[in-house]
Amino acid sequence: MSGAQTDRAKAQALFPNVSRETWARLDVLVTHLQKWQKTINLVAPKTLDEVWVRHIADGLQILDIAPRSARVFVDLGSGGGFPGLVLAAVLVERQGAHVHLVESDQRKCAFLREAARAMNVEVTIHNARVEAALESWPHGADVVTARALAPLKKLIALAYPLLKAGTVGIFPKGQDVESELTEATKCWTLSLELVPSRTEGAARLAVVSEVTPR
């Protein structure tokens, strides 16, 4: 078994309940990522050999934490489609679900459109800066997420237009999450839970359910 096959098998073992059809859609995403990565820096090159665990599985675990009733998801700074297109690959099987991808880079938006088309998933792509996209957000949202976009303090500020309306924030974070949380609480009063990551031992997912400015 090749390294890529081993990596994919590890991801599947972490999420045995994900359907065969979803894995097929995720195969399409990975194929497009590898193709476009040659001309656009969509993910850190050193992570390509572990794309299934580092990027795919890391996105799948968000759905384990999200409320089961959640239907509308917003991914800020979608970049290479993580976690937005990963979520869309699963949510296509959930009636009434939809994913919004917010990305300011036009080339990355082109990738997101092409990958979503090939995966046969419907998403809404907003080619705009996060601040502009959320300034008057008309779509509602149950969950807002962002990966490798900004420290927690800034993430909360960016997502605040949704968070203050009751949207749950789920933000994958690395081993520095405690220091990021310390900085964030200087500006925000938070109801926040740190959930251990299933893909990386020191990582956490910061789940924000309530937030008010200090």
C-alpha atoms as a PDB file:
ATOM      1  CA  MET A   1       0.000   0.000   0.000  1.00  0.00           C
ATOM      2  CA  SER A   2       1.391   3.413  -0.992  1.00  0.00           C
ATOM      3  CA  GLY A   3       1.824   6.288   1.431  1.00  0.00           C
ATOM      4  CA  ALA A   4      -1.232   8.059   0.020  1.00  0.00           C
ATOM      5  CA  GLN A   5      -3.332   4.899   0.330  1.00  0.00           C
ATOM      6  CA  THR A   6      -2.157   4.417   3.909  1.00  0.00           C
ATOM      7  CA  ASP A   7      -3.033   8.031   4.722  1.00  0.00           C
ATOM      8  CA  ARG A   8      -6.498   7.621   3.180  1.00  0.00           C
ATOM      9  CA  ALA A   9      -7.036   4.381   5.115  1.00  0.00           C
ATOM     10  CA  LYS A  10      -6.144   6.160   8.371  1.00  0.00           C
ATOM     11  CA  ALA A  11      -8.734   8.837   7.644  1.00  0.00           C
ATOM     12  CA  GLN A  12     -11.378   6.225   6.864  1.00  0.00           C
ATOM     13  CA  ALA A  13     -10.599   4.392  10.095  1.00  0.00           C
ATOM     14  CA  LEU A  14     -11.199   7.603  12.037  1.00  0.00           C
ATOM     15  CA  PHE A  15     -14.622   8.072  10.415  1.00  0.00           C
ATOM     16  CA  PRO A  16     -16.077   4.621   9.664  1.00  0.00           C
ATOM     17  CA  ASN A  17     -19.628   5.973   9.374  1.00  0.00           C
ATOM     18  CA  VAL A  18     -18.872   8.256   6.435  1.00  0.00           C
ATOM     19  CA  SER A  19     -20.532   6.856   3.318  1.00  0.00           C
ATOM     20  CA  ARG A  20     -18.711   5.341   0.349  1.00  0.00           C
ATOM     21  CA  GLU A  21     -20.255   8.037  -1.852  1.00  0.00           C
ATOM     22  CA  THR A  22     -18.783  10.761   0.363  1.00  0.00           C
ATOM     23  CA  TRP A  23     -15.317   9.218   0.194  1.00  0.00           C
ATOM     24  CA  ALA A  24     -15.657   9.186  -3.595  1.00  0.00           C
ATOM     25  CA  ARG A  25     -16.467  12.894  -3.581  1.00  0.00           C
ATOM     26  CA  LEU A  26     -13.465  13.510  -1.344  1.00  0.00           C
ATOM     27  CA  ASP A  27     -11.275  11.567  -3.776  1.00  0.00           C
ATOM     28  CA  VAL A  28     -12.300  14.076  -6.439  1.00  0.00           C
ATOM     29  CA  LEU A  29     -11.394  16.962  -4.124  1.00  0.00           C
ATOM     30  CA  VAL A  30      -7.938  15.531  -3.426  1.00  0.00           C
ATOM     31  CA  THR A  31      -7.320  14.933  -7.147  1.00  0.00           C
ATOM     32  CA  HIS A  32      -8.199  18.544  -7.954  1.00  0.00           C
ATOM     33  CA  LEU A  33      -6.118  19.835  -5.051  1.00  0.00           C
ATOM     34  CA  GLN A  34      -3.050  17.975  -6.288  1.00  0.00           C
ATOM     35  CA  LYS A  35      -3.578  19.309  -9.817  1.00  0.00           C
ATOM     36  CA  TRP A  36      -4.135  22.954  -8.840  1.00  0.00           C
ATOM     37  CA  GLN A  37      -1.447  22.958  -6.153  1.00  0.00           C
ATOM     38  CA  LYS A  38       1.139  22.952  -8.958  1.00  0.00           C
ATOM     39  CA  THR A  39       0.193  26.524  -9.880  1.00  0.00           C
ATOM     40  CA  ILE A  40      -1.584  27.880  -6.758  1.00  0.00           C
ATOM     41  CA  ASN A  41      -0.405  27.437  -3.180  1.00  0.00           C
ATOM     42  CA  LEU A  42      -3.623  26.008  -1.731  1.00  0.00           C
ATOM     43  CA  VAL A  43      -2.084  24.135   1.220  1.00  0.00           C
ATOM     44  CA  ALA A  44       1.372  23.909   2.761  1.00  0.00           C
ATOM     45  CA  PRO A  45       3.356  21.697   0.346  1.00  0.00           C
ATOM     46  CA  LYS A  46       4.787  19.590   3.167  1.00  0.00           C
ATOM     47  CA  THR A  47       1.242  18.474   4.112  1.00  0.00           C
ATOM     48  CA  LEU A  48       0.370  17.001   0.692  1.00  0.00           C
ATOM     49  CA  ASP A  49       1.665  13.554   1.658  1.00  0.00           C
ATOM     50  CA  GLU A  50      -0.755  13.549   4.595  1.00  0.00           C
ATOM     51  CA  VAL A  51      -3.657  15.284   2.916  1.00  0.00           C
ATOM     52  CA  TRP A  52      -6.245  12.746   4.070  1.00  0.00           C
ATOM     53  CA  VAL A  53      -5.525  13.026   7.785  1.00  0.00           C
ATOM     54  CA  ARG A  54      -4.184  16.598   7.924  1.00  0.00           C
ATOM     55  CA  HIS A  55      -6.897  18.172   5.782  1.00  0.00           C
ATOM     56  CA  ILE A  56      -9.796  15.804   5.030  1.00  0.00           C
ATOM     57  CA  ALA A  57     -10.202  14.122   8.424  1.00  0.00           C
ATOM     58  CA  ASP A  58      -9.491  17.400  10.192  1.00  0.00           C
ATOM     59  CA  GLY A  59     -12.536  18.854   8.454  1.00  0.00           C
ATOM     60  CA  LEU A  60     -14.756  15.819   8.984  1.00  0.00           C
ATOM     61  CA  GLN A  61     -14.421  16.050  12.752  1.00  0.00           C
ATOM     62  CA  ILE A  62     -16.207  19.418  12.709  1.00  0.00           C
ATOM     63  CA  LEU A  63     -19.436  17.593  11.878  1.00  0.00           C
ATOM     64  CA  ASP A  64     -19.001  15.388  14.961  1.00  0.00           C
ATOM     65  CA  ILE A  65     -19.094  18.517  17.106  1.00  0.00           C
ATOM     66  CA  ALA A  66     -21.663  20.601  15.228  1.00  0.00           C
ATOM     67  CA  PRO A  67     -25.283  20.503  16.415  1.00  0.00           C
ATOM     68  CA  ARG A  68     -27.160  17.709  14.648  1.00  0.00           C
ATOM     69  CA  SER A  69     -29.823  20.230  13.621  1.00  0.00           C
ATOM     70  CA  ALA A  70     -27.247  22.440  11.853  1.00  0.00           C
ATOM     71  CA  ARG A  71     -27.984  22.986   8.170  1.00  0.00           C
ATOM     72  CA  VAL A  72     -26.223  26.206   7.122  1.00  0.00           C
ATOM     73  CA  PHE A  73     -22.425  26.272   7.447  1.00  0.00           C
ATOM     74  CA  VAL A  74     -20.104  29.190   6.705  1.00  0.00           C
ATOM     75  CA  ASP A  75     -16.376  28.636   6.073  1.00  0.00           C
ATOM     76  CA  LEU A  76     -14.256  31.775   6.360  1.00  0.00           C
ATOM     77  CA  GLY A  77     -11.088  31.935   4.253  1.00  0.00           C
ATOM     78  CA  SER A  78     -11.856  28.691   2.446  1.00  0.00           C
ATOM     79  CA  GLY A  79      -8.595  28.595   0.459  1.00  0.00           C
ATOM     80  CA  GLY A  80      -8.101  25.025  -0.742  1.00  0.00           C
ATOM     81  CA  GLY A  81     -11.578  23.995   0.375  1.00  0.00           C
ATOM     82  CA  PHE A  82     -10.736  23.063   3.949  1.00  0.00           C
ATOM     83  CA  PRO A  83     -12.919  22.562   5.724  1.00  0.00           C
ATOM     84  CA  GLY A  84     -15.710  23.970   3.498  1.00  0.00           C
ATOM     85  CA  LEU A  85     -15.660  21.482   0.622  1.00  0.00           C
ATOM     86  CA  VAL A  86     -15.090  18.600   3.029  1.00  0.00           C
ATOM     87  CA  LEU A  87     -18.241  19.627   4.880  1.00  0.00           C
ATOM     88  CA  ALA A  88     -20.109  19.986   1.589  1.00  0.00           C
ATOM     89  CA  ALA A  89     -19.086  16.456   0.561  1.00  0.00           C
ATOM     90  CA  VAL A  90     -20.890  15.082   3.618  1.00  0.00           C
ATOM     91  CA  LEU A  91     -23.762  17.554   3.841  1.00  0.00           C
ATOM     92  CA  VAL A  92     -24.967  16.854   0.312  1.00  0.00           C
ATOM     93  CA  GLU A  93     -26.639  13.864   1.978  1.00  0.00           C
ATOM     94  CA  ARG A  94     -28.338  16.033   4.639  1.00  0.00           C
ATOM     95  CA  GLN A  95     -31.624  17.485   3.423  1.00  0.00           C
ATOM     96  CA  GLY A  96     -31.701  21.285   3.431  1.00  0.00           C
ATOM     97  CA  ALA A  97     -27.996  21.668   4.218  1.00  0.00           C
ATOM     98  CA  HIS A  98     -25.806  24.227   2.463  1.00  0.00           C
ATOM     99  CA  VAL A  99     -22.236  25.490   2.770  1.00  0.00           C
ATOM    100  CA  HIS A 100     -21.068  29.054   2.107  1.00  0.00           C
ATOM    101  CA  LEU A 101     -17.395  29.533   1.231  1.00  0.00           C
ATOM    102  CA  VAL A 102     -15.880  32.980   1.813  1.00  0.00           C
ATOM    103  CA  GLU A 103     -12.586  33.571   0.000  1.00  0.00           C
ATOM    104  CA  SER A 104     -10.987  36.833  -1.138  1.00  0.00           C
ATOM    105  CA  ASP A 105      -8.465  35.340  -3.609  1.00  0.00           C
ATOM    106  CA  GLN A 106      -9.978  35.069  -7.109  1.00  0.00           C
ATOM    107  CA  ARG A 107      -7.719  32.185  -8.143  1.00  0.00           C
ATOM    108  CA  LYS A 108      -8.674  30.169  -5.091  1.00  0.00           C
ATOM    109  CA  CYS A 109     -12.341  30.909  -5.827  1.00  0.00           C
ATOM    110  CA  ALA A 110     -11.794  29.493  -9.305  1.00  0.00           C
ATOM    111  CA  PHE A 111     -10.411  26.331  -7.715  1.00  0.00           C
ATOM    112  CA  LEU A 112     -13.340  26.111  -5.301  1.00  0.00           C
ATOM    113  CA  ARG A 113     -15.871  26.454  -8.149  1.00  0.00           C
ATOM    114  CA  GLU A 114     -14.144  23.822 -10.279  1.00  0.00           C
ATOM    115  CA  ALA A 115     -13.682  21.366  -7.410  1.00  0.00           C
ATOM    116  CA  ALA A 116     -17.292  21.767  -6.241  1.00  0.00           C
ATOM    117  CA  ARG A 117     -18.542  21.211  -9.800  1.00  0.00           C
ATOM    118  CA  ALA A 118     -16.442  18.060 -10.178  1.00  0.00           C
ATOM    119  CA  MET A 119     -17.571  16.792  -6.761  1.00  0.00           C
ATOM    120  CA  ASN A 120     -21.191  17.460  -7.744  1.00  0.00           C
ATOM    121  CA  VAL A 121     -21.906  19.478  -4.598  1.00  0.00           C
ATOM    122  CA  GLU A 122     -23.748  22.774  -4.445  1.00  0.00           C
ATOM    123  CA  VAL A 123     -22.043  25.537  -2.501  1.00  0.00           C
ATOM    124  CA  THR A 124     -22.213  29.327  -2.531  1.00  0.00           C
ATOM    125  CA  ILE A 125     -18.843  30.994  -3.073  1.00  0.00           C
ATOM    126  CA  HIS A 126     -18.409  34.571  -1.874  1.00  0.00           C
ATOM    127  CA  ASN A 127     -15.385  36.190  -3.527  1.00  0.00           C
ATOM    128  CA  ALA A 128     -14.866  38.844  -0.858  1.00  0.00           C
ATOM    129  CA  ARG A 129     -12.973  39.678   2.273  1.00  0.00           C
ATOM    130  CA  VAL A 130     -14.581  38.221   5.379  1.00  0.00           C
ATOM    131  CA  GLU A 131     -15.387  41.655   6.817  1.00  0.00           C
ATOM    132  CA  ALA A 132     -17.218  42.674   3.647  1.00  0.00           C
ATOM    133  CA  ALA A 133     -19.054  39.374   3.242  1.00  0.00           C
ATOM    134  CA  LEU A 134     -20.390  39.341   6.817  1.00  0.00           C
ATOM    135  CA  GLU A 135     -21.191  43.034   7.054  1.00  0.00           C
ATOM    136  CA  SER A 136     -24.807  42.402   6.052  1.00  0.00           C
ATOM    137  CA  TRP A 137     -25.145  38.630   5.896  1.00  0.00           C
ATOM    138  CA  PRO A 138     -28.630  37.698   4.627  1.00  0.00           C
ATOM    139  CA  HIS A 139     -28.357  33.903   4.604  1.00  0.00           C
ATOM    140  CA  GLY A 140     -28.434  32.951   8.285  1.00  0.00           C
ATOM    141  CA  ALA A 141     -25.952  30.426   9.665  1.00  0.00           C
ATOM    142  CA  ASP A 142     -25.943  27.581  12.166  1.00  0.00           C
ATOM    143  CA  VAL A 143     -22.168  27.005  12.236  1.00  0.00           C
ATOM    144  CA  VAL A 144     -19.242  29.234  11.276  1.00  0.00           C
ATOM    145  CA  THR A 145     -15.775  27.776  10.935  1.00  0.00           C
ATOM    146  CA  ALA A 146     -12.320  28.797   9.772  1.00  0.00           C
ATOM    147  CA  ARG A 147      -9.050  26.937   9.558  1.00  0.00           C
ATOM    148  CA  ALA A 148      -5.560  28.463   9.642  1.00  0.00           C
ATOM    149  CA  LEU A 149      -7.024  31.909   9.022  1.00  0.00           C
ATOM    150  CA  ALA A 150      -6.123  33.953  12.106  1.00  0.00           C
ATOM    151  CA  PRO A 151      -5.517  33.746  15.880  1.00  0.00           C
ATOM    152  CA  LEU A 152      -8.636  33.152  17.965  1.00  0.00           C
ATOM    153  CA  LYS A 153      -8.885  36.785  19.067  1.00  0.00           C
ATOM    154  CA  LYS A 154      -9.127  37.986  15.471  1.00  0.00           C
ATOM    155  CA  LEU A 155     -11.268  35.038  14.364  1.00  0.00           C
ATOM    156  CA  ILE A 156     -13.915  35.927  16.905  1.00  0.00           C
ATOM    157  CA  ALA A 157     -13.856  39.536  15.741  1.00  0.00           C
ATOM    158  CA  LEU A 158     -14.253  38.458  12.114  1.00  0.00           C
ATOM    159  CA  ALA A 159     -17.057  36.017  12.881  1.00  0.00           C
ATOM    160  CA  TYR A 160     -18.787  38.223  15.439  1.00  0.00           C
ATOM    161  CA  PRO A 161     -21.618  39.328  13.098  1.00  0.00           C
ATOM    162  CA  LEU A 162     -22.686  35.672  13.014  1.00  0.00           C
ATOM    163  CA  LEU A 163     -21.705  34.683  16.554  1.00  0.00           C
ATOM    164  CA  LYS A 164     -23.745  37.477  18.142  1.00  0.00           C
ATOM    165  CA  ALA A 165     -26.823  36.152  16.331  1.00  0.00           C
ATOM    166  CA  GLY A 166     -26.421  32.709  17.897  1.00  0.00           C
ATOM    167  CA  THR A 167     -24.285  30.932  15.312  1.00  0.00           C
ATOM    168  CA  VAL A 168     -21.930  28.344  16.835  1.00  0.00           C
ATOM    169  CA  GLY A 169     -18.253  28.860  16.037  1.00  0.00           C
ATOM    170  CA  ILE A 170     -16.049  25.778  15.546  1.00  0.00           C
ATOM    171  CA  PHE A 171     -12.417  26.709  14.964  1.00  0.00           C
ATOM    172  CA  PRO A 172      -9.682  24.042  14.632  1.00  0.00           C
ATOM    173  CA  LYS A 173      -6.597  25.192  16.504  1.00  0.00           C
ATOM    174  CA  GLY A 174      -3.069  23.914  17.089  1.00  0.00           C
ATOM    175  CA  GLN A 175      -0.984  23.488  20.211  1.00  0.00           C
ATOM    176  CA  ASP A 176      -0.900  27.244  20.912  1.00  0.00           C
ATOM    177  CA  VAL A 177      -4.637  27.393  21.508  1.00  0.00           C
ATOM    178  CA  GLU A 178      -4.287  28.125  25.246  1.00  0.00           C
ATOM    179  CA  SER A 179      -2.212  31.258  24.630  1.00  0.00           C
ATOM    180  CA  GLU A 180      -4.613  32.306  21.865  1.00  0.00           C
ATOM    181  CA  LEU A 181      -7.505  31.867  24.294  1.00  0.00           C
ATOM    182  CA  THR A 182      -5.735  33.997  26.910  1.00  0.00           C
ATOM    183  CA  GLU A 183      -5.396  36.816  24.366  1.00  0.00           C
ATOM    184  CA  ALA A 184      -8.978  36.431  23.177  1.00  0.00           C
ATOM    185  CA  THR A 185     -10.446  36.703  26.671  1.00  0.00           C
ATOM    186  CA  LYS A 186      -8.836  40.125  27.065  1.00  0.00           C
ATOM    187  CA  CYS A 187     -11.319  41.436  24.505  1.00  0.00           C
ATOM    188  CA  TRP A 188     -14.200  38.956  24.641  1.00  0.00           C
ATOM    189  CA  THR A 189     -16.345  37.250  27.247  1.00  0.00           C
ATOM    190  CA  LEU A 190     -16.715  33.722  25.904  1.00  0.00           C
ATOM    191  CA  SER A 191     -18.652  30.554  26.440  1.00  0.00           C
ATOM    192  CA  LEU A 192     -16.057  28.243  24.927  1.00  0.00           C
ATOM    193  CA  GLU A 193     -15.166  24.554  25.026  1.00  0.00           C
ATOM    194  CA  LEU A 194     -11.866  23.084  23.842  1.00  0.00           C
ATOM    195  CA  VAL A 195     -12.471  19.682  22.250  1.00  0.00           C
ATOM    196  CA  PRO A 196      -9.463  17.385  21.663  1.00  0.00           C
ATOM    197  CA  SER A 197      -8.662  16.856  17.996  1.00  0.00           C
ATOM    198  CA  ARG A 198      -9.013  13.355  16.578  1.00  0.00           C
ATOM    199  CA  THR A 199      -6.237  13.965  14.046  1.00  0.00           C
ATOM    200  CA  GLU A 200      -3.465  15.605  16.062  1.00  0.00           C
ATOM    201  CA  GLY A 201      -2.685  15.010  19.712  1.00  0.00           C
ATOM    202  CA  ALA A 202      -1.879  18.574  20.788  1.00  0.00           C
ATOM    203  CA  ALA A 203      -4.562  20.238  18.678  1.00  0.00           C
ATOM    204  CA  ARG A 204      -7.995  21.349  19.853  1.00  0.00           C
ATOM    205  CA  LEU A 205     -11.231  22.565  18.339  1.00  0.00           C
ATOM    206  CA  ALA A 206     -12.442  25.773  19.942  1.00  0.00           C
ATOM    207  CA  VAL A 207     -16.233  25.679  20.139  1.00  0.00           C
ATOM    208  CA  VAL A 208     -17.720  29.116  20.791  1.00  0.00           C
ATOM    209  CA  SER A 209     -21.393  29.205  21.722  1.00  0.00           C
ATOM    210  CA  GLU A 210     -21.698  32.677  23.240  1.00  0.00           C
ATOM    211  CA  VAL A 211     -19.578  35.797  22.907  1.00  0.00           C
ATOM    212  CA  THR A 212     -19.846  39.425  23.971  1.00  0.00           C
ATOM    213  CA  PRO A 213     -17.276  42.232  23.770  1.00  0.00           C
ATOM    214  CA  ARG A 214     -15.593  43.271  27.005  1.00  0.00           C
END
